[in-house]
mmCIF file of all heavy atoms, coordinates in Angstrom:
data_MODEL
# 
_entry.id   MODEL 
# 
loop_
_atom_site.group_PDB 
_atom_site.id 
_atom_site.type_symbol 
_atom_site.label_atom_id 
_atom_site.label_alt_id 
_atom_site.label_comp_id 
_atom_site.label_asym_id 
_atom_site.label_entity_id 
_atom_site.label_seq_id 
_atom_site.pdbx_PDB_ins_code 
_atom_site.Cartn_x 
_atom_site.Cartn_y 
_atom_site.Cartn_z 
_atom_site.occupancy 
_atom_site.B_iso_or_equiv 
_atom_site.pdbx_formal_charge 
_atom_site.auth_seq_id 
_atom_site.auth_comp_id 
_atom_site.auth_asym_id 
_atom_site.auth_atom_id 
_atom_site.pdbx_PDB_model_num 
ATOM 1   N N   . ASP A 1 1  ? 0.817  -1.210 0.000   1.00 0.00 ? 1  ASP A N   1 
ATOM 2   C CA  . ASP A 1 1  ? 0.000  0.000  0.000   1.00 0.00 ? 1  ASP A CA  1 
ATOM 3   C C   . ASP A 1 1  ? 0.856  1.268  0.000   1.00 0.00 ? 1  ASP A C   1 
ATOM 4   O O   . ASP A 1 1  ? 0.565  2.232  -0.719  1.00 0.00 ? 1  ASP A O   1 
ATOM 5   C CB  . ASP A 1 1  ? -0.945 0.005  1.205   1.00 0.00 ? 1  ASP A CB  1 
ATOM 6   C CG  . ASP A 1 1  ? -1.958 -1.132 1.155   1.00 0.00 ? 1  ASP A CG  1 
ATOM 7   O OD1 . ASP A 1 1  ? -2.303 -1.535 0.032   1.00 0.00 ? 1  ASP A OD1 1 
ATOM 8   O OD2 . ASP A 1 1  ? -2.363 -1.620 2.216   1.00 0.00 ? 1  ASP A OD2 1 
ATOM 9   N N   . TYR A 1 2  ? 1.904  1.273  0.829   1.00 0.00 ? 2  TYR A N   1 
ATOM 10  C CA  . TYR A 1 2  ? 2.782  2.440  0.922   1.00 0.00 ? 2  TYR A CA  1 
ATOM 11  C C   . TYR A 1 2  ? 4.132  2.096  0.288   1.00 0.00 ? 2  TYR A C   1 
ATOM 12  O O   . TYR A 1 2  ? 5.187  2.132  0.935   1.00 0.00 ? 2  TYR A O   1 
ATOM 13  C CB  . TYR A 1 2  ? 2.954  2.850  2.385   1.00 0.00 ? 2  TYR A CB  1 
ATOM 14  C CG  . TYR A 1 2  ? 1.646  3.215  3.063   1.00 0.00 ? 2  TYR A CG  1 
ATOM 15  C CD1 . TYR A 1 2  ? 0.928  2.272  3.792   1.00 0.00 ? 2  TYR A CD1 1 
ATOM 16  C CD2 . TYR A 1 2  ? 1.123  4.494  2.953   1.00 0.00 ? 2  TYR A CD2 1 
ATOM 17  C CE1 . TYR A 1 2  ? -0.283 2.608  4.401   1.00 0.00 ? 2  TYR A CE1 1 
ATOM 18  C CE2 . TYR A 1 2  ? -0.078 4.835  3.564   1.00 0.00 ? 2  TYR A CE2 1 
ATOM 19  C CZ  . TYR A 1 2  ? -0.773 3.887  4.282   1.00 0.00 ? 2  TYR A CZ  1 
ATOM 20  O OH  . TYR A 1 2  ? -1.964 4.227  4.875   1.00 0.00 ? 2  TYR A OH  1 
ATOM 21  N N   . TRP A 1 3  ? 4.082  1.790  -0.990  1.00 0.00 ? 3  TRP A N   1 
ATOM 22  C CA  . TRP A 1 3  ? 5.243  1.299  -1.715  1.00 0.00 ? 3  TRP A CA  1 
ATOM 23  C C   . TRP A 1 3  ? 6.408  2.299  -1.727  1.00 0.00 ? 3  TRP A C   1 
ATOM 24  O O   . TRP A 1 3  ? 7.565  1.910  -1.803  1.00 0.00 ? 3  TRP A O   1 
ATOM 25  C CB  . TRP A 1 3  ? 4.856  0.968  -3.162  1.00 0.00 ? 3  TRP A CB  1 
ATOM 26  C CG  . TRP A 1 3  ? 4.196  2.120  -3.872  1.00 0.00 ? 3  TRP A CG  1 
ATOM 27  C CD1 . TRP A 1 3  ? 2.864  2.379  -3.940  1.00 0.00 ? 3  TRP A CD1 1 
ATOM 28  C CD2 . TRP A 1 3  ? 4.860  3.186  -4.580  1.00 0.00 ? 3  TRP A CD2 1 
ATOM 29  N NE1 . TRP A 1 3  ? 2.628  3.530  -4.654  1.00 0.00 ? 3  TRP A NE1 1 
ATOM 30  C CE2 . TRP A 1 3  ? 3.835  4.053  -5.059  1.00 0.00 ? 3  TRP A CE2 1 
ATOM 31  C CE3 . TRP A 1 3  ? 6.179  3.485  -4.865  1.00 0.00 ? 3  TRP A CE3 1 
ATOM 32  C CZ2 . TRP A 1 3  ? 4.120  5.206  -5.801  1.00 0.00 ? 3  TRP A CZ2 1 
ATOM 33  C CZ3 . TRP A 1 3  ? 6.472  4.627  -5.597  1.00 0.00 ? 3  TRP A CZ3 1 
ATOM 34  C CH2 . TRP A 1 3  ? 5.446  5.473  -6.059  1.00 0.00 ? 3  TRP A CH2 1 
ATOM 35  N N   . TRP A 1 4  ? 6.088  3.594  -1.683  1.00 0.00 ? 4  TRP A N   1 
ATOM 36  C CA  . TRP A 1 4  ? 7.131  4.614  -1.794  1.00 0.00 ? 4  TRP A CA  1 
ATOM 37  C C   . TRP A 1 4  ? 8.100  4.609  -0.610  1.00 0.00 ? 4  TRP A C   1 
ATOM 38  O O   . TRP A 1 4  ? 9.226  5.061  -0.731  1.00 0.00 ? 4  TRP A O   1 
ATOM 39  C CB  . TRP A 1 4  ? 6.495  6.000  -1.947  1.00 0.00 ? 4  TRP A CB  1 
ATOM 40  C CG  . TRP A 1 4  ? 5.536  6.368  -0.853  1.00 0.00 ? 4  TRP A CG  1 
ATOM 41  C CD1 . TRP A 1 4  ? 5.832  6.984  0.334   1.00 0.00 ? 4  TRP A CD1 1 
ATOM 42  C CD2 . TRP A 1 4  ? 4.123  6.125  -0.841  1.00 0.00 ? 4  TRP A CD2 1 
ATOM 43  N NE1 . TRP A 1 4  ? 4.700  7.146  1.088   1.00 0.00 ? 4  TRP A NE1 1 
ATOM 44  C CE2 . TRP A 1 4  ? 3.625  6.630  0.386   1.00 0.00 ? 4  TRP A CE2 1 
ATOM 45  C CE3 . TRP A 1 4  ? 3.225  5.552  -1.739  1.00 0.00 ? 4  TRP A CE3 1 
ATOM 46  C CZ2 . TRP A 1 4  ? 2.284  6.569  0.730   1.00 0.00 ? 4  TRP A CZ2 1 
ATOM 47  C CZ3 . TRP A 1 4  ? 1.882  5.492  -1.398  1.00 0.00 ? 4  TRP A CZ3 1 
ATOM 48  C CH2 . TRP A 1 4  ? 1.428  5.997  -0.172  1.00 0.00 ? 4  TRP A CH2 1 
ATOM 49  N N   . MET A 1 5  ? 7.661  4.089  0.533   1.00 0.00 ? 5  MET A N   1 
ATOM 50  C CA  . MET A 1 5  ? 8.543  4.045  1.701   1.00 0.00 ? 5  MET A CA  1 
ATOM 51  C C   . MET A 1 5  ? 9.737  3.123  1.463   1.00 0.00 ? 5  MET A C   1 
ATOM 52  O O   . MET A 1 5  ? 10.818 3.341  2.018   1.00 0.00 ? 5  MET A O   1 
ATOM 53  C CB  . MET A 1 5  ? 7.765  3.570  2.934   1.00 0.00 ? 5  MET A CB  1 
ATOM 54  C CG  . MET A 1 5  ? 6.667  4.492  3.376   1.00 0.00 ? 5  MET A CG  1 
ATOM 55  S SD  . MET A 1 5  ? 5.909  3.900  4.917   1.00 0.00 ? 5  MET A SD  1 
ATOM 56  C CE  . MET A 1 5  ? 4.524  5.031  5.059   1.00 0.00 ? 5  MET A CE  1 
ATOM 57  N N   . THR A 1 6  ? 9.549  2.095  0.643   1.00 0.00 ? 6  THR A N   1 
ATOM 58  C CA  . THR A 1 6  ? 10.619 1.151  0.335   1.00 0.00 ? 6  THR A CA  1 
ATOM 59  C C   . THR A 1 6  ? 11.266 1.431  -1.019  1.00 0.00 ? 6  THR A C   1 
ATOM 60  O O   . THR A 1 6  ? 12.485 1.306  -1.164  1.00 0.00 ? 6  THR A O   1 
ATOM 61  C CB  . THR A 1 6  ? 10.059 -0.293 0.331   1.00 0.00 ? 6  THR A CB  1 
ATOM 62  O OG1 . THR A 1 6  ? 9.566  -0.601 1.639   1.00 0.00 ? 6  THR A OG1 1 
ATOM 63  C CG2 . THR A 1 6  ? 11.137 -1.295 -0.043  1.00 0.00 ? 6  THR A CG2 1 
ATOM 64  N N   . ALA A 1 7  ? 10.459 1.826  -1.980  1.00 0.00 ? 7  ALA A N   1 
ATOM 65  C CA  . ALA A 1 7  ? 10.941 1.963  -3.360  1.00 0.00 ? 7  ALA A CA  1 
ATOM 66  C C   . ALA A 1 7  ? 12.029 3.024  -3.501  1.00 0.00 ? 7  ALA A C   1 
ATOM 67  O O   . ALA A 1 7  ? 13.071 2.779  -4.125  1.00 0.00 ? 7  ALA A O   1 
ATOM 68  C CB  . ALA A 1 7  ? 9.769  2.282  -4.292  1.00 0.00 ? 7  ALA A CB  1 
ATOM 69  N N   . PHE A 1 8  ? 11.817 4.196  -2.927  1.00 0.00 ? 8  PHE A N   1 
ATOM 70  C CA  . PHE A 1 8  ? 12.763 5.285  -3.152  1.00 0.00 ? 8  PHE A CA  1 
ATOM 71  C C   . PHE A 1 8  ? 14.115 5.078  -2.442  1.00 0.00 ? 8  PHE A C   1 
ATOM 72  O O   . PHE A 1 8  ? 15.166 5.359  -3.038  1.00 0.00 ? 8  PHE A O   1 
ATOM 73  C CB  . PHE A 1 8  ? 12.129 6.619  -2.770  1.00 0.00 ? 8  PHE A CB  1 
ATOM 74  C CG  . PHE A 1 8  ? 11.052 7.048  -3.729  1.00 0.00 ? 8  PHE A CG  1 
ATOM 75  C CD1 . PHE A 1 8  ? 9.729  7.138  -3.329  1.00 0.00 ? 8  PHE A CD1 1 
ATOM 76  C CD2 . PHE A 1 8  ? 11.362 7.342  -5.047  1.00 0.00 ? 8  PHE A CD2 1 
ATOM 77  C CE1 . PHE A 1 8  ? 8.731  7.527  -4.223  1.00 0.00 ? 8  PHE A CE1 1 
ATOM 78  C CE2 . PHE A 1 8  ? 10.379 7.729  -5.945  1.00 0.00 ? 8  PHE A CE2 1 
ATOM 79  C CZ  . PHE A 1 8  ? 9.055  7.815  -5.537  1.00 0.00 ? 8  PHE A CZ  1 
ATOM 80  N N   . PRO A 1 9  ? 14.148 4.581  -1.204  1.00 0.00 ? 9  PRO A N   1 
ATOM 81  C CA  . PRO A 1 9  ? 15.461 4.249  -0.627  1.00 0.00 ? 9  PRO A CA  1 
ATOM 82  C C   . PRO A 1 9  ? 16.184 3.157  -1.405  1.00 0.00 ? 9  PRO A C   1 
ATOM 83  O O   . PRO A 1 9  ? 17.411 3.206  -1.566  1.00 0.00 ? 9  PRO A O   1 
ATOM 84  C CB  . PRO A 1 9  ? 15.125 3.797  0.793   1.00 0.00 ? 9  PRO A CB  1 
ATOM 85  C CG  . PRO A 1 9  ? 13.829 4.451  1.100   1.00 0.00 ? 9  PRO A CG  1 
ATOM 86  C CD  . PRO A 1 9  ? 13.081 4.478  -0.192  1.00 0.00 ? 9  PRO A CD  1 
ATOM 87  N N   . ALA A 1 10 ? 15.409 2.174  -1.919  1.00 0.00 ? 10 ALA A N   1 
ATOM 88  C CA  . ALA A 1 10 ? 16.030 1.111  -2.715  1.00 0.00 ? 10 ALA A CA  1 
ATOM 89  C C   . ALA A 1 10 ? 16.593 1.668  -4.022  1.00 0.00 ? 10 ALA A C   1 
ATOM 90  O O   . ALA A 1 10 ? 17.691 1.290  -4.452  1.00 0.00 ? 10 ALA A O   1 
ATOM 91  C CB  . ALA A 1 10 ? 15.013 0.008  -3.005  1.00 0.00 ? 10 ALA A CB  1 
ATOM 92  N N   . LEU A 1 11 ? 15.858 2.572  -4.656  1.00 0.00 ? 11 LEU A N   1 
ATOM 93  C CA  . LEU A 1 11 ? 16.340 3.189  -5.886  1.00 0.00 ? 11 LEU A CA  1 
ATOM 94  C C   . LEU A 1 11 ? 17.583 4.040  -5.630  1.00 0.00 ? 11 LEU A C   1 
ATOM 95  O O   . LEU A 1 11 ? 18.460 4.152  -6.503  1.00 0.00 ? 11 LEU A O   1 
ATOM 96  C CB  . LEU A 1 11 ? 15.240 4.044  -6.518  1.00 0.00 ? 11 LEU A CB  1 
ATOM 97  C CG  . LEU A 1 11 ? 14.079 3.276  -7.161  1.00 0.00 ? 11 LEU A CG  1 
ATOM 98  C CD1 . LEU A 1 11 ? 12.993 4.244  -7.626  1.00 0.00 ? 11 LEU A CD1 1 
ATOM 99  C CD2 . LEU A 1 11 ? 14.570 2.435  -8.331  1.00 0.00 ? 11 LEU A CD2 1 
ATOM 100 N N   . ALA A 1 12 ? 17.674 4.628  -4.447  1.00 0.00 ? 12 ALA A N   1 
ATOM 101 C CA  . ALA A 1 12 ? 18.862 5.414  -4.099  1.00 0.00 ? 12 ALA A CA  1 
ATOM 102 C C   . ALA A 1 12 ? 20.095 4.512  -4.046  1.00 0.00 ? 12 ALA A C   1 
ATOM 103 O O   . ALA A 1 12 ? 21.191 4.904  -4.486  1.00 0.00 ? 12 ALA A O   1 
ATOM 104 C CB  . ALA A 1 12 ? 18.656 6.119  -2.764  1.00 0.00 ? 12 ALA A CB  1 
ATOM 105 N N   . ILE A 1 13 ? 19.945 3.299  -3.510  1.00 0.00 ? 13 ILE A N   1 
ATOM 106 C CA  . ILE A 1 13 ? 21.062 2.346  -3.473  1.00 0.00 ? 13 ILE A CA  1 
ATOM 107 C C   . ILE A 1 13 ? 21.461 1.961  -4.888  1.00 0.00 ? 13 ILE A C   1 
ATOM 108 O O   . ILE A 1 13 ? 22.658 1.934  -5.232  1.00 0.00 ? 13 ILE A O   1 
ATOM 109 C CB  . ILE A 1 13 ? 20.673 1.097  -2.658  1.00 0.00 ? 13 ILE A CB  1 
ATOM 110 C CG1 . ILE A 1 13 ? 20.416 1.466  -1.194  1.00 0.00 ? 13 ILE A CG1 1 
ATOM 111 C CG2 . ILE A 1 13 ? 21.769 0.046  -2.749  1.00 0.00 ? 13 ILE A CG2 1 
ATOM 112 C CD1 . ILE A 1 13 ? 19.974 0.299  -0.349  1.00 0.00 ? 13 ILE A CD1 1 
ATOM 113 N N   . VAL A 1 14 ? 20.464 1.665  -5.732  1.00 0.00 ? 14 VAL A N   1 
ATOM 114 C CA  . VAL A 1 14 ? 20.752 1.317  -7.125  1.00 0.00 ? 14 VAL A CA  1 
ATOM 115 C C   . VAL A 1 14 ? 21.466 2.477  -7.824  1.00 0.00 ? 14 VAL A C   1 
ATOM 116 O O   . VAL A 1 14 ? 22.415 2.278  -8.590  1.00 0.00 ? 14 VAL A O   1 
ATOM 117 C CB  . VAL A 1 14 ? 19.448 0.960  -7.866  1.00 0.00 ? 14 VAL A CB  1 
ATOM 118 C CG1 . VAL A 1 14 ? 19.718 0.734  -9.344  1.00 0.00 ? 14 VAL A CG1 1 
ATOM 119 C CG2 . VAL A 1 14 ? 18.804 -0.279 -7.252  1.00 0.00 ? 14 VAL A CG2 1 
ATOM 120 N N   . PHE A 1 15 ? 21.019 3.692  -7.551  1.00 0.00 ? 15 PHE A N   1 
ATOM 121 C CA  . PHE A 1 15 ? 21.585 4.897  -8.151  1.00 0.00 ? 15 PHE A CA  1 
ATOM 122 C C   . PHE A 1 15 ? 23.075 5.025  -7.843  1.00 0.00 ? 15 PHE A C   1 
ATOM 123 O O   . PHE A 1 15 ? 23.908 5.191  -8.742  1.00 0.00 ? 15 PHE A O   1 
ATOM 124 C CB  . PHE A 1 15 ? 20.810 6.115  -7.630  1.00 0.00 ? 15 PHE A CB  1 
ATOM 125 C CG  . PHE A 1 15 ? 21.320 7.444  -8.103  1.00 0.00 ? 15 PHE A CG  1 
ATOM 126 C CD1 . PHE A 1 15 ? 21.020 7.903  -9.374  1.00 0.00 ? 15 PHE A CD1 1 
ATOM 127 C CD2 . PHE A 1 15 ? 22.081 8.252  -7.271  1.00 0.00 ? 15 PHE A CD2 1 
ATOM 128 C CE1 . PHE A 1 15 ? 21.474 9.144  -9.815  1.00 0.00 ? 15 PHE A CE1 1 
ATOM 129 C CE2 . PHE A 1 15 ? 22.546 9.489  -7.693  1.00 0.00 ? 15 PHE A CE2 1 
ATOM 130 C CZ  . PHE A 1 15 ? 22.236 9.934  -8.978  1.00 0.00 ? 15 PHE A CZ  1 
ATOM 131 N N   . VAL A 1 16 ? 23.429 4.897  -6.569  1.00 0.00 ? 16 VAL A N   1 
ATOM 132 C CA  . VAL A 1 16 ? 24.831 5.096  -6.186  1.00 0.00 ? 16 VAL A CA  1 
ATOM 133 C C   . VAL A 1 16 ? 25.702 3.914  -6.623  1.00 0.00 ? 16 VAL A C   1 
ATOM 134 O O   . VAL A 1 16 ? 26.859 4.101  -7.018  1.00 0.00 ? 16 VAL A O   1 
ATOM 135 C CB  . VAL A 1 16 ? 24.934 5.354  -4.665  1.00 0.00 ? 16 VAL A CB  1 
ATOM 136 C CG1 . VAL A 1 16 ? 24.654 4.098  -3.867  1.00 0.00 ? 16 VAL A CG1 1 
ATOM 137 C CG2 . VAL A 1 16 ? 26.296 5.912  -4.297  1.00 0.00 ? 16 VAL A CG2 1 
ATOM 138 N N   . ILE A 1 17 ? 25.166 2.694  -6.603  1.00 0.00 ? 17 ILE A N   1 
ATOM 139 C CA  . ILE A 1 17 ? 25.935 1.530  -7.046  1.00 0.00 ? 17 ILE A CA  1 
ATOM 140 C C   . ILE A 1 17 ? 26.227 1.623  -8.544  1.00 0.00 ? 17 ILE A C   1 
ATOM 141 O O   . ILE A 1 17 ? 27.358 1.384  -8.991  1.00 0.00 ? 17 ILE A O   1 
ATOM 142 C CB  . ILE A 1 17 ? 25.194 0.224  -6.714  1.00 0.00 ? 17 ILE A CB  1 
ATOM 143 C CG1 . ILE A 1 17 ? 25.213 -0.031 -5.206  1.00 0.00 ? 17 ILE A CG1 1 
ATOM 144 C CG2 . ILE A 1 17 ? 25.827 -0.959 -7.443  1.00 0.00 ? 17 ILE A CG2 1 
ATOM 145 C CD1 . ILE A 1 17 ? 24.452 -1.262 -4.790  1.00 0.00 ? 17 ILE A CD1 1 
ATOM 146 N N   . LEU A 1 18 ? 25.221 1.990  -9.331  1.00 0.00 ? 18 LEU A N   1 
ATOM 147 C CA  . LEU A 1 18 ? 25.440 2.146  -10.766 1.00 0.00 ? 18 LEU A CA  1 
ATOM 148 C C   . LEU A 1 18 ? 26.484 3.225  -11.042 1.00 0.00 ? 18 LEU A C   1 
ATOM 149 O O   . LEU A 1 18 ? 27.346 3.071  -11.916 1.00 0.00 ? 18 LEU A O   1 
ATOM 150 C CB  . LEU A 1 18 ? 24.125 2.502  -11.467 1.00 0.00 ? 18 LEU A CB  1 
ATOM 151 C CG  . LEU A 1 18 ? 23.151 1.368  -11.733 1.00 0.00 ? 18 LEU A CG  1 
ATOM 152 C CD1 . LEU A 1 18 ? 21.882 1.899  -12.394 1.00 0.00 ? 18 LEU A CD1 1 
ATOM 153 C CD2 . LEU A 1 18 ? 23.779 0.300  -12.616 1.00 0.00 ? 18 LEU A CD2 1 
ATOM 154 N N   . GLY A 1 19 ? 26.395 4.326  -10.293 1.00 0.00 ? 19 GLY A N   1 
ATOM 155 C CA  . GLY A 1 19 ? 27.339 5.420  -10.487 1.00 0.00 ? 19 GLY A CA  1 
ATOM 156 C C   . GLY A 1 19 ? 28.779 4.973  -10.277 1.00 0.00 ? 19 GLY A C   1 
ATOM 157 O O   . GLY A 1 19 ? 29.654 5.229  -11.119 1.00 0.00 ? 19 GLY A O   1 
ATOM 158 N N   . PHE A 1 20 ? 29.044 4.295  -9.189  1.00 0.00 ? 20 PHE A N   1 
ATOM 159 C CA  . PHE A 1 20 ? 30.418 3.875  -8.903  1.00 0.00 ? 20 PHE A CA  1 
ATOM 160 C C   . PHE A 1 20 ? 30.862 2.718  -9.799  1.00 0.00 ? 20 PHE A C   1 
ATOM 161 O O   . PHE A 1 20 ? 32.056 2.601  -10.109 1.00 0.00 ? 20 PHE A O   1 
ATOM 162 C CB  . PHE A 1 20 ? 30.560 3.499  -7.433  1.00 0.00 ? 20 PHE A CB  1 
ATOM 163 C CG  . PHE A 1 20 ? 30.751 4.691  -6.534  1.00 0.00 ? 20 PHE A CG  1 
ATOM 164 C CD1 . PHE A 1 20 ? 29.695 5.202  -5.809  1.00 0.00 ? 20 PHE A CD1 1 
ATOM 165 C CD2 . PHE A 1 20 ? 31.977 5.322  -6.447  1.00 0.00 ? 20 PHE A CD2 1 
ATOM 166 C CE1 . PHE A 1 20 ? 29.865 6.319  -4.994  1.00 0.00 ? 20 PHE A CE1 1 
ATOM 167 C CE2 . PHE A 1 20 ? 32.158 6.425  -5.632  1.00 0.00 ? 20 PHE A CE2 1 
ATOM 168 C CZ  . PHE A 1 20 ? 31.100 6.931  -4.904  1.00 0.00 ? 20 PHE A CZ  1 
ATOM 169 N N   . ASN A 1 21 ? 29.930 1.873  -10.231 1.00 0.00 ? 21 ASN A N   1 
ATOM 170 C CA  . ASN A 1 21 ? 30.303 0.813  -11.169 1.00 0.00 ? 21 ASN A CA  1 
ATOM 171 C C   . ASN A 1 21 ? 30.689 1.393  -12.528 1.00 0.00 ? 21 ASN A C   1 
ATOM 172 O O   . ASN A 1 21 ? 31.680 0.973  -13.141 1.00 0.00 ? 21 ASN A O   1 
ATOM 173 C CB  . ASN A 1 21 ? 29.156 -0.187 -11.338 1.00 0.00 ? 21 ASN A CB  1 
ATOM 174 C CG  . ASN A 1 21 ? 29.078 -1.165 -10.187 1.00 0.00 ? 21 ASN A CG  1 
ATOM 175 O OD1 . ASN A 1 21 ? 29.947 -1.186 -9.318  1.00 0.00 ? 21 ASN A OD1 1 
ATOM 176 N ND2 . ASN A 1 21 ? 28.046 -1.977 -10.160 1.00 0.00 ? 21 ASN A ND2 1 
ATOM 177 N N   . PHE A 1 22 ? 29.902 2.353  -13.012 1.00 0.00 ? 22 PHE A N   1 
ATOM 178 C CA  . PHE A 1 22 ? 30.258 3.023  -14.266 1.00 0.00 ? 22 PHE A CA  1 
ATOM 179 C C   . PHE A 1 22 ? 31.586 3.761  -14.130 1.00 0.00 ? 22 PHE A C   1 
ATOM 180 O O   . PHE A 1 22 ? 32.414 3.750  -15.043 1.00 0.00 ? 22 PHE A O   1 
ATOM 181 C CB  . PHE A 1 22 ? 29.158 4.010  -14.668 1.00 0.00 ? 22 PHE A CB  1 
ATOM 182 C CG  . PHE A 1 22 ? 27.881 3.364  -15.124 1.00 0.00 ? 22 PHE A CG  1 
ATOM 183 C CD1 . PHE A 1 22 ? 26.675 4.050  -15.068 1.00 0.00 ? 22 PHE A CD1 1 
ATOM 184 C CD2 . PHE A 1 22 ? 27.872 2.070  -15.607 1.00 0.00 ? 22 PHE A CD2 1 
ATOM 185 C CE1 . PHE A 1 22 ? 25.490 3.461  -15.482 1.00 0.00 ? 22 PHE A CE1 1 
ATOM 186 C CE2 . PHE A 1 22 ? 26.693 1.459  -16.021 1.00 0.00 ? 22 PHE A CE2 1 
ATOM 187 C CZ  . PHE A 1 22 ? 25.502 2.156  -15.959 1.00 0.00 ? 22 PHE A CZ  1 
ATOM 188 N N   . LEU A 1 23 ? 31.775 4.406  -12.976 1.00 0.00 ? 23 LEU A N   1 
ATOM 189 C CA  . LEU A 1 23 ? 33.040 5.116  -12.733 1.00 0.00 ? 23 LEU A CA  1 
ATOM 190 C C   . LEU A 1 23 ? 34.211 4.137  -12.704 1.00 0.00 ? 23 LEU A C   1 
ATOM 191 O O   . LEU A 1 23 ? 35.289 4.417  -13.253 1.00 0.00 ? 23 LEU A O   1 
ATOM 192 C CB  . LEU A 1 23 ? 32.957 5.886  -11.422 1.00 0.00 ? 23 LEU A CB  1 
ATOM 193 C CG  . LEU A 1 23 ? 34.203 6.713  -11.034 1.00 0.00 ? 23 LEU A CG  1 
ATOM 194 C CD1 . LEU A 1 23 ? 34.396 7.858  -12.016 1.00 0.00 ? 23 LEU A CD1 1 
ATOM 195 C CD2 . LEU A 1 23 ? 34.060 7.257  -9.619  1.00 0.00 ? 23 LEU A CD2 1 
ATOM 196 N N   . GLY A 1 24 ? 34.012 2.991  -12.074 1.00 0.00 ? 24 GLY A N   1 
ATOM 197 C CA  . GLY A 1 24 ? 35.070 1.984  -12.018 1.00 0.00 ? 24 GLY A CA  1 
ATOM 198 C C   . GLY A 1 24 ? 35.436 1.457  -13.397 1.00 0.00 ? 24 GLY A C   1 
ATOM 199 O O   . GLY A 1 24 ? 36.618 1.246  -13.697 1.00 0.00 ? 24 GLY A O   1 
ATOM 200 N N   . ASP A 1 25 ? 34.427 1.260  -14.259 1.00 0.00 ? 25 ASP A N   1 
ATOM 201 C CA  . ASP A 1 25 ? 34.718 0.831  -15.632 1.00 0.00 ? 25 ASP A CA  1 
ATOM 202 C C   . ASP A 1 25 ? 35.534 1.890  -16.366 1.00 0.00 ? 25 ASP A C   1 
ATOM 203 O O   . ASP A 1 25 ? 36.448 1.571  -17.131 1.00 0.00 ? 25 ASP A O   1 
ATOM 204 C CB  . ASP A 1 25 ? 33.407 0.570  -16.386 1.00 0.00 ? 25 ASP A CB  1 
ATOM 205 C CG  . ASP A 1 25 ? 32.694 -0.678 -15.889 1.00 0.00 ? 25 ASP A CG  1 
ATOM 206 O OD1 . ASP A 1 25 ? 33.368 -1.537 -15.280 1.00 0.00 ? 25 ASP A OD1 1 
ATOM 207 O OD2 . ASP A 1 25 ? 31.475 -0.789 -16.099 1.00 0.00 ? 25 ASP A OD2 1 
ATOM 208 N N   . GLY A 1 26 ? 35.193 3.170  -16.127 1.00 0.00 ? 26 GLY A N   1 
ATOM 209 C CA  . GLY A 1 26 ? 35.950 4.245  -16.761 1.00 0.00 ? 26 GLY A CA  1 
ATOM 210 C C   . GLY A 1 26 ? 37.379 4.309  -16.272 1.00 0.00 ? 26 GLY A C   1 
ATOM 211 O O   . GLY A 1 26 ? 38.312 4.537  -17.055 1.00 0.00 ? 26 GLY A O   1 
ATOM 212 N N   . VAL A 1 27 ? 37.578 4.106  -14.970 1.00 0.00 ? 27 VAL A N   1 
ATOM 213 C CA  . VAL A 1 27 ? 38.935 4.101  -14.406 1.00 0.00 ? 27 VAL A CA  1 
ATOM 214 C C   . VAL A 1 27 ? 39.744 2.950  -14.981 1.00 0.00 ? 27 VAL A C   1 
ATOM 215 O O   . VAL A 1 27 ? 40.923 3.109  -15.333 1.00 0.00 ? 27 VAL A O   1 
ATOM 216 C CB  . VAL A 1 27 ? 38.872 4.012  -12.865 1.00 0.00 ? 27 VAL A CB  1 
ATOM 217 C CG1 . VAL A 1 27 ? 40.258 3.782  -12.279 1.00 0.00 ? 27 VAL A CG1 1 
ATOM 218 C CG2 . VAL A 1 27 ? 38.272 5.278  -12.279 1.00 0.00 ? 27 VAL A CG2 1 
ATOM 219 N N   . ARG A 1 28 ? 39.116 1.802  -15.119 1.00 0.00 ? 28 ARG A N   1 
ATOM 220 C CA  . ARG A 1 28 ? 39.830 0.642  -15.699 1.00 0.00 ? 28 ARG A CA  1 
ATOM 221 C C   . ARG A 1 28 ? 40.256 0.928  -17.135 1.00 0.00 ? 28 ARG A C   1 
ATOM 222 O O   . ARG A 1 28 ? 41.399 0.680  -17.520 1.00 0.00 ? 28 ARG A O   1 
ATOM 223 C CB  . ARG A 1 28 ? 38.929 -0.586 -15.649 1.00 0.00 ? 28 ARG A CB  1 
ATOM 224 C CG  . ARG A 1 28 ? 39.571 -1.852 -16.215 1.00 0.00 ? 28 ARG A CG  1 
ATOM 225 C CD  . ARG A 1 28 ? 38.550 -2.956 -16.333 1.00 0.00 ? 28 ARG A CD  1 
ATOM 226 N NE  . ARG A 1 28 ? 37.455 -2.536 -17.200 1.00 0.00 ? 28 ARG A NE  1 
ATOM 227 C CZ  . ARG A 1 28 ? 36.229 -3.048 -17.131 1.00 0.00 ? 28 ARG A CZ  1 
ATOM 228 N NH1 . ARG A 1 28 ? 35.939 -3.967 -16.242 1.00 0.00 ? 28 ARG A NH1 1 
ATOM 229 N NH2 . ARG A 1 28 ? 35.281 -2.618 -17.952 1.00 0.00 ? 28 ARG A NH2 1 
# 
């Protein structure tokens, strides 16, 4: 019912993980 309480913090984790993974590929 209150999906936003879980969805947005989870998306924040995905956001930062993708950012550092893309950055790591660029560094490599």
